[in-house]
């Protein structure tokens, strides 16, 4: 096993681990229960970590993680007149998909 990264919170760690697993990289989240000890232990020692099972997949895992951390931010105008910003590809107001 190889530690890939430390996440700012459990939700992000789980999101990253699930996304990597969906791409065929076996992962696990470690230290997920230590957040309650922050204050008793140094906070940086209580953050969840994402680990990969096979160190041979490190390069691919780091590429995928980089893509997850750097989602392109877009701004587009929906047909309903709503301006949609960020990484969203669907209008929050009417549900229409972003034009290609």
PDB file of N, CA and C in Angstrom:
ATOM      1  N   UNK A   1       0.853  -1.185   0.000  1.00  0.00           N
ATOM      2  CA  UNK A   1       0.000   0.000   0.000  1.00  0.00           C
ATOM      3  C   UNK A   1       0.890   1.235   0.000  1.00  0.00           C
ATOM      4  N   UNK A   2       0.342   2.318  -0.565  1.00  0.00           N
ATOM      5  CA  UNK A   2       1.087   3.563  -0.680  1.00  0.00           C
ATOM      6  C   UNK A   2       0.158   4.731  -0.379  1.00  0.00           C
ATOM      7  N   UNK A   3       0.610   5.619   0.487  1.00  0.00           N
ATOM      8  CA  UNK A   3      -0.179   6.816   0.784  1.00  0.00           C
ATOM      9  C   UNK A   3      -0.118   7.747  -0.416  1.00  0.00           C
ATOM     10  N   UNK A   4      -1.289   8.079  -0.947  1.00  0.00           N
ATOM     11  CA  UNK A   4      -1.369   8.955  -2.107  1.00  0.00           C
ATOM     12  C   UNK A   4      -1.436  10.411  -1.683  1.00  0.00           C
ATOM     13  N   UNK A   5      -2.338  10.714  -0.744  1.00  0.00           N
ATOM     14  CA  UNK A   5      -2.514  12.103  -0.338  1.00  0.00           C
ATOM     15  C   UNK A   5      -3.283  12.193   0.965  1.00  0.00           C
ATOM     16  N   UNK A   6      -3.228  13.355   1.554  1.00  0.00           N
ATOM     17  CA  UNK A   6      -4.035  13.689   2.726  1.00  0.00           C
ATOM     18  C   UNK A   6      -5.141  14.614   2.238  1.00  0.00           C
ATOM     19  N   UNK A   7      -6.345  14.430   2.724  1.00  0.00           N
ATOM     20  CA  UNK A   7      -7.485  15.227   2.285  1.00  0.00           C
ATOM     21  C   UNK A   7      -7.892  16.211   3.380  1.00  0.00           C
ATOM     22  N   UNK A   8      -8.539  17.312   3.005  1.00  0.00           N
ATOM     23  CA  UNK A   8      -8.941  18.303   4.010  1.00  0.00           C
ATOM     24  C   UNK A   8     -10.085  17.836   4.911  1.00  0.00           C
ATOM     25  N   UNK A   9     -10.863  16.856   4.431  1.00  0.00           N
ATOM     26  CA  UNK A   9     -11.962  16.331   5.243  1.00  0.00           C
ATOM     27  C   UNK A   9     -12.375  14.966   4.705  1.00  0.00           C
ATOM     28  N   UNK A  10     -13.232  14.286   5.452  1.00  0.00           N
ATOM     29  CA  UNK A  10     -13.632  12.926   5.084  1.00  0.00           C
ATOM     30  C   UNK A  10     -14.446  12.889   3.797  1.00  0.00           C
ATOM     31  N   UNK A  11     -15.279  13.888   3.574  1.00  0.00           N
ATOM     32  CA  UNK A  11     -16.094  13.913   2.352  1.00  0.00           C
ATOM     33  C   UNK A  11     -15.210  13.965   1.110  1.00  0.00           C
ATOM     34  N   UNK A  12     -14.203  14.812   1.116  1.00  0.00           N
ATOM     35  CA  UNK A  12     -13.299  14.926  -0.028  1.00  0.00           C
ATOM     36  C   UNK A  12     -12.478  13.644  -0.191  1.00  0.00           C
ATOM     37  N   UNK A  13     -11.985  13.093   0.913  1.00  0.00           N
ATOM     38  CA  UNK A  13     -11.208  11.854   0.838  1.00  0.00           C
ATOM     39  C   UNK A  13     -12.038  10.741   0.211  1.00  0.00           C
ATOM     40  N   UNK A  14     -13.292  10.623   0.623  1.00  0.00           N
ATOM     41  CA  UNK A  14     -14.170   9.591   0.087  1.00  0.00           C
ATOM     42  C   UNK A  14     -14.472   9.828  -1.382  1.00  0.00           C
ATOM     43  N   UNK A  15     -14.703  11.074  -1.751  1.00  0.00           N
ATOM     44  CA  UNK A  15     -14.948  11.419  -3.152  1.00  0.00           C
ATOM     45  C   UNK A  15     -13.760  11.031  -4.017  1.00  0.00           C
ATOM     46  N   UNK A  16     -12.559  11.410  -3.581  1.00  0.00           N
ATOM     47  CA  UNK A  16     -11.355  11.070  -4.343  1.00  0.00           C
ATOM     48  C   UNK A  16     -11.176   9.559  -4.436  1.00  0.00           C
ATOM     49  N   UNK A  17     -11.331   8.845  -3.321  1.00  0.00           N
ATOM     50  CA  UNK A  17     -11.149   7.391  -3.318  1.00  0.00           C
ATOM     51  C   UNK A  17     -12.161   6.709  -4.234  1.00  0.00           C
ATOM     52  N   UNK A  18     -13.402   7.151  -4.193  1.00  0.00           N
ATOM     53  CA  UNK A  18     -14.434   6.563  -5.056  1.00  0.00           C
ATOM     54  C   UNK A  18     -14.156   6.839  -6.530  1.00  0.00           C
ATOM     55  N   UNK A  19     -13.711   8.048  -6.848  1.00  0.00           N
ATOM     56  CA  UNK A  19     -13.404   8.401  -8.237  1.00  0.00           C
ATOM     57  C   UNK A  19     -12.222   7.588  -8.749  1.00  0.00           C
ATOM     58  N   UNK A  20     -11.212   7.392  -7.922  1.00  0.00           N
ATOM     59  CA  UNK A  20     -10.063   6.579  -8.321  1.00  0.00           C
ATOM     60  C   UNK A  20     -10.483   5.122  -8.512  1.00  0.00           C
ATOM     61  N   UNK A  21     -11.304   4.620  -7.613  1.00  0.00           N
ATOM     62  CA  UNK A  21     -11.775   3.243  -7.722  1.00  0.00           C
ATOM     63  C   UNK A  21     -12.593   3.039  -8.999  1.00  0.00           C
ATOM     64  N   UNK A  22     -13.377   4.032  -9.374  1.00  0.00           N
ATOM     65  CA  UNK A  22     -14.171   3.950 -10.599  1.00  0.00           C
ATOM     66  C   UNK A  22     -13.282   3.870 -11.840  1.00  0.00           C
ATOM     67  N   UNK A  23     -12.057   4.341 -11.730  1.00  0.00           N
ATOM     68  CA  UNK A  23     -11.096   4.285 -12.839  1.00  0.00           C
ATOM     69  C   UNK A  23     -10.166   3.083 -12.735  1.00  0.00           C
ATOM     70  N   UNK A  24     -10.465   2.182 -11.814  1.00  0.00           N
ATOM     71  CA  UNK A  24      -9.690   0.954 -11.712  1.00  0.00           C
ATOM     72  C   UNK A  24      -8.516   0.989 -10.764  1.00  0.00           C
ATOM     73  N   UNK A  25      -8.397   2.041  -9.957  1.00  0.00           N
ATOM     74  CA  UNK A  25      -7.315   2.127  -8.978  1.00  0.00           C
ATOM     75  C   UNK A  25      -7.892   1.753  -7.617  1.00  0.00           C
ATOM     76  N   UNK A  26      -7.470   0.630  -7.082  1.00  0.00           N
ATOM     77  CA  UNK A  26      -7.977   0.174  -5.782  1.00  0.00           C
ATOM     78  C   UNK A  26      -7.459   1.100  -4.684  1.00  0.00           C
ATOM     79  N   UNK A  27      -8.368   1.627  -3.882  1.00  0.00           N
ATOM     80  CA  UNK A  27      -8.015   2.612  -2.862  1.00  0.00           C
ATOM     81  C   UNK A  27      -8.665   2.280  -1.531  1.00  0.00           C
ATOM     82  N   UNK A  28      -8.191   2.959  -0.509  1.00  0.00           N
ATOM     83  CA  UNK A  28      -8.841   2.927   0.791  1.00  0.00           C
ATOM     84  C   UNK A  28      -8.629   4.278   1.462  1.00  0.00           C
ATOM     85  N   UNK A  29      -9.537   4.612   2.356  1.00  0.00           N
ATOM     86  CA  UNK A  29      -9.422   5.844   3.136  1.00  0.00           C
ATOM     87  C   UNK A  29      -8.975   5.440   4.529  1.00  0.00           C
ATOM     88  N   UNK A  30      -7.893   6.037   4.992  1.00  0.00           N
ATOM     89  CA  UNK A  30      -7.351   5.763   6.322  1.00  0.00           C
ATOM     90  C   UNK A  30      -7.528   6.999   7.201  1.00  0.00           C
ATOM     91  N   UNK A  31      -7.490   6.804   8.497  1.00  0.00           N
ATOM     92  CA  UNK A  31      -7.621   7.872   9.499  1.00  0.00           C
ATOM     93  C   UNK A  31      -8.982   8.563   9.450  1.00  0.00           C
ATOM     94  N   UNK A  32      -9.990   7.892   8.947  1.00  0.00           N
ATOM     95  CA  UNK A  32     -11.288   8.535   8.812  1.00  0.00           C
ATOM     96  C   UNK A  32     -11.963   8.809  10.159  1.00  0.00           C
ATOM     97  N   UNK A  33     -11.523   8.140  11.213  1.00  0.00           N
ATOM     98  CA  UNK A  33     -12.174   8.330  12.511  1.00  0.00           C
ATOM     99  C   UNK A  33     -11.373   9.214  13.469  1.00  0.00           C
ATOM    100  N   UNK A  34     -10.277   9.768  13.028  1.00  0.00           N
ATOM    101  CA  UNK A  34      -9.425  10.560  13.913  1.00  0.00           C
ATOM    102  C   UNK A  34      -9.845  12.018  14.044  1.00  0.00           C
ATOM    103  N   UNK A  35     -10.766  12.488  13.215  1.00  0.00           N
ATOM    104  CA  UNK A  35     -11.140  13.904  13.249  1.00  0.00           C
ATOM    105  C   UNK A  35     -11.626  14.322  14.642  1.00  0.00           C
ATOM    106  N   UNK A  36     -12.219  13.420  15.370  1.00  0.00           N
ATOM    107  CA  UNK A  36     -12.697  13.729  16.718  1.00  0.00           C
ATOM    108  C   UNK A  36     -11.578  13.959  17.715  1.00  0.00           C
ATOM    109  N   UNK A  37     -10.363  13.576  17.356  1.00  0.00           N
ATOM    110  CA  UNK A  37      -9.224  13.764  18.255  1.00  0.00           C
ATOM    111  C   UNK A  37      -8.481  15.073  18.008  1.00  0.00           C
ATOM    112  N   UNK A  38      -8.896  15.830  17.024  1.00  0.00           N
ATOM    113  CA  UNK A  38      -8.232  17.108  16.748  1.00  0.00           C
ATOM    114  C   UNK A  38      -8.295  17.962  18.014  1.00  0.00           C
ATOM    115  N   UNK A  39      -7.187  18.466  18.413  1.00  0.00           N
ATOM    116  CA  UNK A  39      -7.073  19.205  19.663  1.00  0.00           C
ATOM    117  C   UNK A  39      -6.311  18.388  20.688  1.00  0.00           C
ATOM    118  N   UNK A  40      -6.625  17.098  20.758  1.00  0.00           N
ATOM    119  CA  UNK A  40      -5.861  16.186  21.603  1.00  0.00           C
ATOM    120  C   UNK A  40      -4.576  15.787  20.884  1.00  0.00           C
ATOM    121  N   UNK A  41      -4.693  15.707  19.569  1.00  0.00           N
ATOM    122  CA  UNK A  41      -3.550  15.417  18.696  1.00  0.00           C
ATOM    123  C   UNK A  41      -3.387  16.603  17.750  1.00  0.00           C
ATOM    124  N   UNK A  42      -2.225  16.776  17.142  1.00  0.00           N
ATOM    125  CA  UNK A  42      -2.073  17.855  16.161  1.00  0.00           C
ATOM    126  C   UNK A  42      -3.094  17.679  15.028  1.00  0.00           C
ATOM    127  N   UNK A  43      -3.758  18.760  14.625  1.00  0.00           N
ATOM    128  CA  UNK A  43      -4.802  18.656  13.606  1.00  0.00           C
ATOM    129  C   UNK A  43      -4.335  17.998  12.306  1.00  0.00           C
ATOM    130  N   UNK A  44      -3.103  18.253  11.879  1.00  0.00           N
ATOM    131  CA  UNK A  44      -2.636  17.652  10.626  1.00  0.00           C
ATOM    132  C   UNK A  44      -2.455  16.137  10.744  1.00  0.00           C
ATOM    133  N   UNK A  45      -2.412  15.616  11.959  1.00  0.00           N
ATOM    134  CA  UNK A  45      -2.310  14.172  12.163  1.00  0.00           C
ATOM    135  C   UNK A  45      -3.682  13.496  12.196  1.00  0.00           C
ATOM    136  N   UNK A  46      -4.739  14.305  12.156  1.00  0.00           N
ATOM    137  CA  UNK A  46      -6.104  13.783  12.241  1.00  0.00           C
ATOM    138  C   UNK A  46      -6.848  13.822  10.907  1.00  0.00           C
ATOM    139  N   UNK A  47      -6.211  14.324   9.869  1.00  0.00           N
ATOM    140  CA  UNK A  47      -6.872  14.417   8.570  1.00  0.00           C
ATOM    141  C   UNK A  47      -6.910  13.054   7.885  1.00  0.00           C
ATOM    142  N   UNK A  48      -7.985  12.768   7.146  1.00  0.00           N
ATOM    143  CA  UNK A  48      -8.069  11.486   6.440  1.00  0.00           C
ATOM    144  C   UNK A  48      -7.050  11.415   5.304  1.00  0.00           C
ATOM    145  N   UNK A  49      -6.662  10.195   4.980  1.00  0.00           N
ATOM    146  CA  UNK A  49      -5.688   9.958   3.921  1.00  0.00           C
ATOM    147  C   UNK A  49      -6.260   8.985   2.897  1.00  0.00           C
ATOM    148  N   UNK A  50      -5.855   9.166   1.653  1.00  0.00           N
ATOM    149  CA  UNK A  50      -6.224   8.245   0.581  1.00  0.00           C
ATOM    150  C   UNK A  50      -4.986   7.409   0.255  1.00  0.00           C
ATOM    151  N   UNK A  51      -5.157   6.104   0.318  1.00  0.00           N
ATOM    152  CA  UNK A  51      -4.081   5.170   0.031  1.00  0.00           C
ATOM    153  C   UNK A  51      -4.462   4.322  -1.179  1.00  0.00           C
ATOM    154  N   UNK A  52      -3.466   3.944  -1.968  1.00  0.00           N
ATOM    155  CA  UNK A  52      -3.714   3.026  -3.083  1.00  0.00           C
ATOM    156  C   UNK A  52      -3.133   1.663  -2.706  1.00  0.00           C
ATOM    157  N   UNK A  53      -3.792   0.615  -3.168  1.00  0.00           N
ATOM    158  CA  UNK A  53      -3.388  -0.746  -2.810  1.00  0.00           C
ATOM    159  C   UNK A  53      -2.133  -1.207  -3.546  1.00  0.00           C
ATOM    160  N   UNK A  54      -1.948  -0.749  -4.768  1.00  0.00           N
ATOM    161  CA  UNK A  54      -0.844  -1.213  -5.612  1.00  0.00           C
ATOM    162  C   UNK A  54       0.053  -0.029  -5.967  1.00  0.00           C
ATOM    163  N   UNK A  55       1.256  -0.019  -5.451  1.00  0.00           N
ATOM    164  CA  UNK A  55       2.188   1.092  -5.693  1.00  0.00           C
ATOM    165  C   UNK A  55       2.514   1.254  -7.176  1.00  0.00           C
ATOM    166  N   UNK A  56       2.316   0.201  -7.965  1.00  0.00           N
ATOM    167  CA  UNK A  56       2.580   0.303  -9.409  1.00  0.00           C
ATOM    168  C   UNK A  56       1.575   1.211 -10.112  1.00  0.00           C
ATOM    169  N   UNK A  57       0.464   1.513  -9.452  1.00  0.00           N
ATOM    170  CA  UNK A  57      -0.550   2.400 -10.026  1.00  0.00           C
ATOM    171  C   UNK A  57      -0.378   3.857  -9.569  1.00  0.00           C
ATOM    172  N   UNK A  58       0.728   4.146  -8.920  1.00  0.00           N
ATOM    173  CA  UNK A  58       0.926   5.491  -8.373  1.00  0.00           C
ATOM    174  C   UNK A  58       0.859   6.580  -9.439  1.00  0.00           C
ATOM    175  N   UNK A  59       1.541   6.396 -10.554  1.00  0.00           N
ATOM    176  CA  UNK A  59       1.562   7.430 -11.583  1.00  0.00           C
ATOM    177  C   UNK A  59       0.149   7.726 -12.086  1.00  0.00           C
ATOM    178  N   UNK A  60      -0.592   6.671 -12.412  1.00  0.00           N
ATOM    179  CA  UNK A  60      -1.974   6.836 -12.890  1.00  0.00           C
ATOM    180  C   UNK A  60      -2.843   7.485 -11.812  1.00  0.00           C
ATOM    181  N   UNK A  61      -2.684   7.049 -10.578  1.00  0.00           N
ATOM    182  CA  UNK A  61      -3.475   7.603  -9.477  1.00  0.00           C
ATOM    183  C   UNK A  61      -3.189   9.093  -9.301  1.00  0.00           C
ATOM    184  N   UNK A  62      -1.938   9.478  -9.395  1.00  0.00           N
ATOM    185  CA  UNK A  62      -1.587  10.906  -9.243  1.00  0.00           C
ATOM    186  C   UNK A  62      -2.129  11.738 -10.407  1.00  0.00           C
ATOM    187  N   UNK A  63      -2.113  11.174 -11.612  1.00  0.00           N
ATOM    188  CA  UNK A  63      -2.709  11.878 -12.759  1.00  0.00           C
ATOM    189  C   UNK A  63      -4.209  12.093 -12.550  1.00  0.00           C
ATOM    190  N   UNK A  64      -4.908  11.048 -12.118  1.00  0.00           N
ATOM    191  CA  UNK A  64      -6.350  11.150 -11.878  1.00  0.00           C
ATOM    192  C   UNK A  64      -6.653  12.131 -10.752  1.00  0.00           C
ATOM    193  N   UNK A  65      -5.863  12.072  -9.693  1.00  0.00           N
ATOM    194  CA  UNK A  65      -6.066  12.992  -8.571  1.00  0.00           C
ATOM    195  C   UNK A  65      -5.846  14.439  -9.008  1.00  0.00           C
ATOM    196  N   UNK A  66      -4.835  14.660  -9.835  1.00  0.00           N
ATOM    197  CA  UNK A  66      -4.588  16.014 -10.349  1.00  0.00           C
ATOM    198  C   UNK A  66      -5.804  16.514 -11.142  1.00  0.00           C
ATOM    199  N   UNK A  67      -6.373  15.648 -11.960  1.00  0.00           N
ATOM    200  CA  UNK A  67      -7.562  16.021 -12.743  1.00  0.00           C
ATOM    201  C   UNK A  67      -8.745  16.326 -11.825  1.00  0.00           C
ATOM    202  N   UNK A  68      -8.894  15.559 -10.746  1.00  0.00           N
ATOM    203  CA  UNK A  68      -9.992  15.809  -9.801  1.00  0.00           C
ATOM    204  C   UNK A  68      -9.821  17.138  -9.077  1.00  0.00           C
ATOM    205  N   UNK A  69      -8.584  17.481  -8.760  1.00  0.00           N
ATOM    206  CA  UNK A  69      -8.309  18.727  -8.028  1.00  0.00           C
ATOM    207  C   UNK A  69      -8.366  19.962  -8.922  1.00  0.00           C
ATOM    208  N   UNK A  70      -8.296  19.770 -10.231  1.00  0.00           N
ATOM    209  CA  UNK A  70      -8.213  20.893 -11.163  1.00  0.00           C
ATOM    210  C   UNK A  70      -9.300  20.827 -12.221  1.00  0.00           C
ATOM    211  N   UNK A  71     -10.536  20.706 -11.787  1.00  0.00           N
ATOM    212  CA  UNK A  71     -11.674  20.676 -12.713  1.00  0.00           C
ATOM    213  C   UNK A  71     -11.798  22.049 -13.368  1.00  0.00           C
ATOM    214  N   UNK A  72     -11.892  22.093 -14.704  1.00  0.00           N
ATOM    215  CA  UNK A  72     -12.009  23.391 -15.358  1.00  0.00           C
ATOM    216  C   UNK A  72     -13.288  24.110 -14.944  1.00  0.00           C
ATOM    217  N   UNK A  73     -13.148  25.382 -14.694  1.00  0.00           N
ATOM    218  CA  UNK A  73     -14.294  26.210 -14.309  1.00  0.00           C
ATOM    219  C   UNK A  73     -14.798  26.948 -15.541  1.00  0.00           C
ATOM    220  N   UNK A  74     -16.084  26.836 -15.789  1.00  0.00           N
ATOM    221  CA  UNK A  74     -16.665  27.451 -16.984  1.00  0.00           C
ATOM    222  C   UNK A  74     -17.803  28.388 -16.596  1.00  0.00           C
ATOM    223  N   UNK A  75     -18.122  29.249 -17.499  1.00  0.00           N
ATOM    224  CA  UNK A  75     -19.286  30.125 -17.372  1.00  0.00           C
ATOM    225  C   UNK A  75     -20.039  30.028 -18.685  1.00  0.00           C
ATOM    226  N   UNK A  76     -21.336  29.690 -18.588  1.00  0.00           N
ATOM    227  CA  UNK A  76     -22.125  29.590 -19.812  1.00  0.00           C
ATOM    228  C   UNK A  76     -23.546  30.059 -19.540  1.00  0.00           C
ATOM    229  N   UNK A  77     -24.189  30.497 -20.611  1.00  0.00           N
ATOM    230  CA  UNK A  77     -25.549  31.005 -20.531  1.00  0.00           C
ATOM    231  C   UNK A  77     -26.514  29.923 -20.985  1.00  0.00           C
ATOM    232  N   UNK A  78     -27.428  29.571 -20.123  1.00  0.00           N
ATOM    233  CA  UNK A  78     -28.422  28.549 -20.430  1.00  0.00           C
ATOM    234  C   UNK A  78     -29.513  29.157 -21.310  1.00  0.00           C
ATOM    235  N   UNK A  79     -30.212  28.303 -22.037  1.00  0.00           N
ATOM    236  CA  UNK A  79     -31.318  28.746 -22.876  1.00  0.00           C
ATOM    237  C   UNK A  79     -32.445  29.396 -22.087  1.00  0.00           C
ATOM    238  N   UNK A  80     -32.539  29.086 -20.785  1.00  0.00           N
ATOM    239  CA  UNK A  80     -33.597  29.682 -19.950  1.00  0.00           C
ATOM    240  C   UNK A  80     -33.201  31.066 -19.452  1.00  0.00           C
ATOM    241  N   UNK A  81     -31.970  31.503 -19.781  1.00  0.00           N
ATOM    242  CA  UNK A  81     -31.518  32.832 -19.380  1.00  0.00           C
ATOM    243  C   UNK A  81     -30.663  32.840 -18.128  1.00  0.00           C
ATOM    244  N   UNK A  82     -30.469  31.703 -17.512  1.00  0.00           N
ATOM    245  CA  UNK A  82     -29.662  31.612 -16.286  1.00  0.00           C
ATOM    246  C   UNK A  82     -28.185  31.483 -16.630  1.00  0.00           C
ATOM    247  N   UNK A  83     -27.348  32.240 -15.928  1.00  0.00           N
ATOM    248  CA  UNK A  83     -25.905  32.110 -16.116  1.00  0.00           C
ATOM    249  C   UNK A  83     -25.401  31.060 -15.130  1.00  0.00           C
ATOM    250  N   UNK A  84     -24.706  30.048 -15.660  1.00  0.00           N
ATOM    251  CA  UNK A  84     -24.207  28.937 -14.856  1.00  0.00           C
ATOM    252  C   UNK A  84     -22.692  29.059 -14.778  1.00  0.00           C
ATOM    253  N   UNK A  85     -22.143  28.997 -13.561  1.00  0.00           N
ATOM    254  CA  UNK A  85     -20.707  29.151 -13.370  1.00  0.00           C
ATOM    255  C   UNK A  85     -20.129  27.926 -12.683  1.00  0.00           C
ATOM    256  N   UNK A  86     -18.818  27.779 -12.783  1.00  0.00           N
ATOM    257  CA  UNK A  86     -18.122  26.692 -12.109  1.00  0.00           C
ATOM    258  C   UNK A  86     -18.015  25.474 -12.988  1.00  0.00           C
ATOM    259  N   UNK A  87     -17.911  24.323 -12.358  1.00  0.00           N
ATOM    260  CA  UNK A  87     -17.752  23.068 -13.076  1.00  0.00           C
ATOM    261  C   UNK A  87     -19.066  22.416 -13.449  1.00  0.00           C
ATOM    262  N   UNK A  88     -20.166  23.147 -13.331  1.00  0.00           N
ATOM    263  CA  UNK A  88     -21.480  22.560 -13.586  1.00  0.00           C
ATOM    264  C   UNK A  88     -21.748  22.429 -15.081  1.00  0.00           C
ATOM    265  N   UNK A  89     -22.271  21.288 -15.464  1.00  0.00           N
ATOM    266  CA  UNK A  89     -22.607  21.041 -16.864  1.00  0.00           C
ATOM    267  C   UNK A  89     -24.106  20.985 -17.078  1.00  0.00           C
ATOM    268  N   UNK A  90     -24.862  21.245 -16.023  1.00  0.00           N
ATOM    269  CA  UNK A  90     -26.313  21.235 -16.107  1.00  0.00           C
ATOM    270  C   UNK A  90     -26.848  22.450 -15.356  1.00  0.00           C
ATOM    271  N   UNK A  91     -27.857  23.092 -15.941  1.00  0.00           N
ATOM    272  CA  UNK A  91     -28.447  24.281 -15.333  1.00  0.00           C
ATOM    273  C   UNK A  91     -29.196  23.892 -14.063  1.00  0.00           C
ATOM    274  N   UNK A  92     -28.949  24.634 -12.994  1.00  0.00           N
ATOM    275  CA  UNK A  92     -29.610  24.347 -11.724  1.00  0.00           C
ATOM    276  C   UNK A  92     -31.087  24.725 -11.776  1.00  0.00           C
ATOM    277  N   UNK A  93     -31.425  25.672 -12.650  1.00  0.00           N
ATOM    278  CA  UNK A  93     -32.787  26.203 -12.690  1.00  0.00           C
ATOM    279  C   UNK A  93     -33.741  25.325 -13.514  1.00  0.00           C
ATOM    280  N   UNK A  94     -33.298  24.928 -14.718  1.00  0.00           N
ATOM    281  CA  UNK A  94     -34.211  24.189 -15.603  1.00  0.00           C
ATOM    282  C   UNK A  94     -33.747  22.763 -15.909  1.00  0.00           C
ATOM    283  N   UNK A  95     -32.499  22.440 -15.562  1.00  0.00           N
ATOM    284  CA  UNK A  95     -31.994  21.089 -15.800  1.00  0.00           C
ATOM    285  C   UNK A  95     -31.420  20.856 -17.179  1.00  0.00           C
ATOM    286  N   UNK A  96     -31.395  21.879 -18.024  1.00  0.00           N
ATOM    287  CA  UNK A  96     -30.853  21.733 -19.374  1.00  0.00           C
ATOM    288  C   UNK A  96     -29.341  21.533 -19.309  1.00  0.00           C
ATOM    289  N   UNK A  97     -28.806  20.661 -20.184  1.00  0.00           N
ATOM    290  CA  UNK A  97     -27.378  20.402 -20.227  1.00  0.00           C
ATOM    291  C   UNK A  97     -26.634  21.520 -20.955  1.00  0.00           C
ATOM    292  N   UNK A  98     -25.393  21.729 -20.571  1.00  0.00           N
ATOM    293  CA  UNK A  98     -24.539  22.734 -21.190  1.00  0.00           C
ATOM    294  C   UNK A  98     -24.372  22.395 -22.668  1.00  0.00           C
ATOM    295  N   UNK A  99     -24.491  23.390 -23.553  1.00  0.00           N
ATOM    296  CA  UNK A  99     -24.283  23.125 -24.978  1.00  0.00           C
ATOM    297  C   UNK A  99     -22.834  22.716 -25.245  1.00  0.00           C
ATOM    298  N   UNK A 100     -22.649  21.844 -26.178  1.00  0.00           N
ATOM    299  CA  UNK A 100     -21.292  21.371 -26.541  1.00  0.00           C
ATOM    300  C   UNK A 100     -20.731  22.151 -27.673  1.00  0.00           C
TER     301      UNK A 100
END
